[in-house]
Protein backbone atom coordinates (compact mmCIF):
# COMPACT_ATOMS: atom_id res chain seq x y z
CA ASP A 1 -2.07 11.39 -25.10
CA ILE A 2 -5.81 12.03 -24.61
CA ASP A 3 -6.88 15.66 -24.26
CA HIS A 4 -8.90 15.45 -21.07
CA LEU A 5 -9.93 19.10 -21.38
CA ASN A 6 -11.78 18.40 -24.62
CA THR A 7 -15.52 18.30 -23.88
CA ARG A 8 -16.15 15.54 -26.43
CA VAL A 9 -13.43 13.39 -24.87
CA GLN A 10 -14.94 13.98 -21.43
CA LYS A 11 -18.46 13.15 -22.61
CA GLU A 12 -17.46 9.93 -24.39
CA LEU A 13 -15.21 8.71 -21.58
CA VAL A 14 -17.98 9.28 -19.03
CA GLU A 15 -20.40 7.35 -21.26
CA TRP A 16 -17.89 4.54 -21.57
CA LEU A 17 -17.28 4.42 -17.80
CA ASN A 18 -21.00 4.27 -17.11
CA TRP A 19 -21.37 1.50 -19.69
CA LEU A 20 -18.59 -0.45 -17.97
CA ARG A 21 -20.38 0.00 -14.63
CA THR A 22 -24.01 -0.62 -15.60
CA ASP A 23 -23.71 -3.06 -18.51
CA VAL A 24 -20.46 -4.93 -17.92
CA GLY A 25 -20.42 -4.91 -14.12
CA PHE A 26 -17.18 -3.17 -13.18
CA ASP A 27 -17.60 -0.92 -10.16
CA GLY A 28 -14.12 0.52 -9.64
CA TRP A 29 -11.57 2.48 -11.64
CA ARG A 30 -7.78 2.59 -11.68
CA PHE A 31 -6.51 5.94 -12.94
CA ASP A 32 -3.30 5.19 -14.82
CA PHE A 33 -0.56 7.87 -14.80
CA ALA A 34 -2.86 10.18 -12.79
CA LYS A 35 -0.14 12.81 -12.50
CA GLY A 36 -0.54 13.32 -16.28
CA TYR A 37 -3.79 15.24 -15.87
CA SER A 38 -5.35 17.34 -13.15
CA ALA A 39 -7.17 15.99 -10.13
CA ASP A 40 -10.10 18.20 -11.19
CA VAL A 41 -10.48 16.07 -14.32
CA ALA A 42 -10.31 12.86 -12.29
CA LYS A 43 -12.95 14.29 -9.94
CA MET A 44 -15.23 14.94 -12.90
CA TYR A 45 -14.91 11.32 -14.08
CA VAL A 46 -15.56 9.99 -10.56
CA ASP A 47 -18.53 12.29 -9.95
CA ARG A 48 -20.18 11.49 -13.29
CA SER A 49 -19.65 7.72 -13.21
CA GLU A 50 -20.12 7.08 -9.47
CA PRO A 51 -17.84 4.07 -8.95
CA SER A 52 -17.71 2.37 -5.56
CA PHE A 53 -13.90 2.53 -5.63
CA ALA A 54 -11.26 4.53 -7.49
CA VAL A 55 -7.49 4.37 -7.12
CA ALA A 56 -4.90 6.62 -8.72
CA GLU A 57 -1.37 5.81 -9.82
CA ILE A 58 0.69 8.83 -8.80
CA TRP A 59 4.24 7.59 -9.10
CA THR A 60 6.79 10.27 -8.30
CA SER A 61 10.31 9.99 -6.96
CA LEU A 62 11.02 9.88 -3.24
CA ALA A 63 13.52 12.31 -1.74
CA TYR A 64 16.98 10.71 -1.63
CA GLY A 65 20.08 11.55 0.36
CA GLY A 66 23.70 11.58 -0.69
CA ASP A 67 23.98 7.85 0.05
CA GLY A 68 21.40 7.08 -2.63
CA LYS A 69 18.84 5.93 -0.09
CA PRO A 70 15.47 7.52 0.76
CA ASN A 71 15.48 10.28 3.35
CA LEU A 72 13.77 9.38 6.61
CA ASN A 73 11.30 12.22 6.12
CA GLN A 74 9.10 11.66 3.06
CA ASP A 75 6.33 14.08 4.06
CA PRO A 76 6.26 15.98 0.73
CA HIS A 77 5.91 12.68 -1.15
CA ARG A 78 2.95 11.42 0.83
CA GLN A 79 1.45 14.92 0.94
CA GLU A 80 1.16 14.78 -2.84
CA LEU A 81 -0.92 11.61 -2.53
CA VAL A 82 -3.10 13.15 0.16
CA ASN A 83 -3.59 16.30 -1.93
CA TRP A 84 -4.89 14.29 -4.89
CA VAL A 85 -7.46 12.51 -2.73
CA ASN A 86 -8.56 15.78 -1.17
CA LYS A 87 -9.06 17.39 -4.57
CA VAL A 88 -10.97 14.44 -6.00
CA GLY A 89 -13.10 14.16 -2.87
CA GLY A 90 -11.94 12.82 0.46
CA SER A 91 -15.43 11.71 1.45
CA GLY A 92 -15.91 9.76 -1.79
CA PRO A 93 -14.40 6.58 -3.25
CA ALA A 94 -11.03 8.11 -4.28
CA THR A 95 -7.80 6.46 -3.05
CA THR A 96 -4.19 6.38 -4.22
CA PHE A 97 -1.54 3.68 -4.40
CA ASP A 98 0.79 4.20 -1.44
CA PHE A 99 4.05 4.62 -3.35
CA THR A 100 5.59 6.20 -0.25
CA THR A 101 5.20 3.00 1.73
CA LYS A 102 6.39 0.95 -1.25
CA GLY A 103 9.62 2.95 -1.57
CA ILE A 104 10.44 2.89 2.13
CA LEU A 105 9.59 -0.80 2.52
CA ASN A 106 11.85 -1.66 -0.43
CA VAL A 107 14.86 -0.39 1.52
CA ALA A 108 13.71 -1.19 5.06
CA VAL A 109 13.70 -4.97 4.56
CA GLU A 110 17.38 -4.82 3.57
CA GLY A 111 18.53 -4.51 7.18
CA GLU A 112 17.12 -1.04 7.87
CA LEU A 113 13.78 -1.81 9.51
CA TRP A 114 14.08 1.30 11.67
CA ARG A 115 12.78 3.13 8.61
CA LEU A 116 9.30 1.73 9.28
CA ARG A 117 8.78 4.10 12.20
CA GLY A 118 8.47 7.72 11.14
CA THR A 119 9.65 10.71 13.14
CA ASP A 120 6.14 10.99 14.60
CA GLY A 121 6.16 7.37 15.76
CA LYS A 122 3.66 6.33 13.11
CA ALA A 123 4.02 4.44 9.84
CA PRO A 124 6.16 6.54 7.46
CA GLY A 125 4.00 6.11 4.35
CA MET A 126 0.56 7.39 3.45
CA ILE A 127 -0.91 4.80 5.84
CA GLY A 128 0.60 6.85 8.66
CA TRP A 129 -1.50 9.86 7.69
CA TRP A 130 -4.64 8.68 5.92
CA PRO A 131 -4.78 4.87 5.86
CA ALA A 132 -8.40 4.73 4.69
CA LYS A 133 -7.28 6.27 1.39
CA ALA A 134 -4.01 4.34 0.94
CA VAL A 135 -3.79 1.26 -1.29
CA THR A 136 -0.65 -0.60 -0.26
CA PHE A 137 1.30 -2.97 -2.50
CA VAL A 138 4.62 -4.81 -2.74
CA ASP A 139 5.02 -4.73 -6.53
CA ASN A 140 2.92 -4.15 -9.64
CA HIS A 141 3.25 -4.67 -13.40
CA ASP A 142 5.56 -1.65 -13.69
CA THR A 143 7.77 -2.01 -10.61
CA GLY A 144 8.17 -5.79 -10.88
CA SER A 145 7.30 -8.42 -13.48
CA THR A 146 9.07 -8.12 -16.86
CA GLN A 147 9.44 -4.31 -16.64
CA HIS A 148 11.33 -4.53 -13.35
CA MET A 149 11.50 -0.76 -12.90
CA TRP A 150 11.53 -0.63 -9.08
CA PRO A 151 11.34 -4.22 -7.82
CA PHE A 152 10.96 -5.32 -4.25
CA PRO A 153 13.93 -7.44 -3.07
CA SER A 154 12.92 -10.83 -4.45
CA ASP A 155 14.09 -12.85 -1.45
CA ARG A 156 12.13 -10.64 0.95
CA VAL A 157 8.77 -10.39 -0.82
CA MET A 158 6.92 -12.23 1.93
CA GLN A 159 8.16 -9.70 4.48
CA GLY A 160 6.44 -7.11 2.34
CA TYR A 161 3.18 -9.06 2.38
CA ALA A 162 3.46 -9.71 6.12
CA TYR A 163 3.59 -5.92 6.50
CA ILE A 164 0.80 -4.78 4.17
CA LEU A 165 -1.59 -7.65 4.97
CA THR A 166 -1.47 -6.96 8.72
CA HIS A 167 -1.39 -3.17 8.58
CA PRO A 168 -4.01 -0.49 7.96
CA GLY A 169 -4.64 0.61 4.40
CA THR A 170 -6.15 -1.45 1.59
CA PRO A 171 -3.59 -4.08 0.56
CA CYS A 172 -3.22 -5.12 -3.07
CA ILE A 173 -1.74 -8.51 -4.05
CA PHE A 174 0.39 -8.74 -7.20
CA TYR A 175 -0.75 -11.39 -9.69
CA ASP A 176 2.79 -12.63 -10.38
CA HIS A 177 3.54 -13.21 -6.71
CA PHE A 178 0.29 -15.07 -6.09
CA PHE A 179 0.14 -17.24 -9.19
CA ASP A 180 3.68 -17.51 -10.57
CA TRP A 181 6.05 -17.32 -7.60
CA GLY A 182 4.63 -20.20 -5.55
CA LEU A 183 3.60 -17.86 -2.72
CA LYS A 184 -0.15 -18.49 -2.89
CA GLU A 185 -0.32 -20.56 0.29
CA GLU A 186 1.70 -18.11 2.38
CA ILE A 187 -0.22 -15.10 1.10
CA ASP A 188 -3.55 -16.90 1.60
CA ARG A 189 -2.64 -17.56 5.22
CA LEU A 190 -1.97 -13.87 5.85
CA VAL A 191 -5.19 -12.87 4.08
CA SER A 192 -7.18 -15.29 6.25
CA ILE A 193 -5.61 -13.83 9.41
CA ARG A 194 -6.53 -10.32 8.30
CA THR A 195 -10.09 -11.39 7.54
CA ARG A 196 -10.57 -13.48 10.67
CA GLN A 197 -9.28 -10.73 12.98
CA GLY A 198 -11.22 -7.97 11.21
CA ILE A 199 -8.16 -5.90 10.30
CA HIS A 200 -9.30 -3.06 8.03
CA SER A 201 -8.06 0.08 6.31
CA GLU A 202 -8.38 2.20 9.45
CA SER A 203 -7.12 -0.31 12.01
CA LYS A 204 -5.04 1.05 14.89
CA LEU A 205 -1.30 0.53 14.53
CA GLN A 206 1.08 0.50 17.49
CA ILE A 207 4.75 0.19 16.59
CA MET A 208 6.45 -1.68 19.42
CA GLU A 209 10.02 -1.87 18.09
CA ALA A 210 11.81 -0.57 14.98
CA ASP A 211 15.51 -1.41 14.86
CA ALA A 212 17.84 -2.42 12.04
CA ASP A 213 17.05 -6.13 12.41
CA LEU A 214 13.59 -6.02 14.00
CA TYR A 215 10.24 -4.42 13.32
CA LEU A 216 7.45 -5.37 15.70
CA ALA A 217 3.94 -3.92 15.61
CA GLU A 218 0.54 -4.61 17.11
CA ILE A 219 -2.65 -4.00 15.14
CA ASP A 220 -6.00 -3.42 16.86
CA GLY A 221 -4.71 -5.27 19.91
CA LYS A 222 -5.43 -8.50 18.01
CA VAL A 223 -2.47 -9.17 15.73
CA ILE A 224 1.29 -8.79 16.20
CA VAL A 225 3.68 -8.94 13.25
CA LYS A 226 7.46 -9.25 13.28
CA LEU A 227 9.81 -8.52 10.40
CA GLY A 228 13.55 -9.11 10.43
CA PRO A 229 16.06 -11.80 11.33
CA ARG A 230 16.09 -11.21 15.09
CA TYR A 231 14.81 -14.43 16.61
CA ASP A 232 14.62 -13.81 20.36
CA VAL A 233 11.52 -11.63 20.71
CA GLY A 234 9.43 -13.79 23.02
CA HIS A 235 9.85 -11.36 25.93
CA LEU A 236 8.22 -8.64 23.79
CA ILE A 237 5.10 -10.65 22.94
CA PRO A 238 2.19 -10.19 25.39
CA GLU A 239 0.80 -13.25 27.10
CA GLY A 240 -1.95 -15.03 25.23
CA PHE A 241 -0.61 -14.47 21.70
CA LYS A 242 0.32 -17.53 19.63
CA VAL A 243 2.20 -17.81 16.33
CA VAL A 244 -0.27 -18.32 13.47
CA ALA A 245 2.01 -17.68 10.48
CA HIS A 246 5.73 -17.53 9.84
CA GLY A 247 8.24 -17.58 7.01
CA ASN A 248 11.56 -16.15 5.92
CA ASP A 249 12.29 -13.43 8.54
CA TYR A 250 8.67 -12.77 9.45
CA ALA A 251 6.12 -14.08 11.95
CA VAL A 252 2.54 -13.24 12.92
CA TRP A 253 0.92 -13.81 16.29
């Protein structure tokens, strides 16, 4: 309920942000409910406080079909995310949470993994268009936790992490999953693979297979990840790759 067009509000918020950065030591901002005010206002806060990182929460509904499931084409949804980054400054620190990927992944792991290959052959979320500016996640304090507004299927959470922690974009780990769900060891293993192999926000993604029960992708020619219950995929794995992590319906080579 803050009037972001009020010059006093702008001045005092900028002063506060700079105090957080210079005196307290924070160097990144999360813009809550960023669709509630213009990208021009967010740009002003970023430009005047100079964070090293800024991420916006722009949570809008995906396009759904008559069956109640997301349409295969979610271009308008991810375009909205791209537009915000462009307006705030594509060459600067601005990013957005990849709600497009979140929504598609929610449904894909329920036996519809073909959804993870878009009509252009690339990832269907924002990471398929502008991965350097996409912050991927499985759940957050709104979608999961006690609010439970749009939760990831609880028995398939590690499939979600196997996806975002091997793929381009900047992955974000949910506190509850890491500390409360007993998944710390599995998530740590995936993080270490990402770090050791140098996977980064702009890594090259090659989708090898995307069927109902199998998603298989290679990243930077170094890592291969499999989602889904299909077990017999050895003939699809290039020679020289070895399994380094596995769990409930996922594996990483």
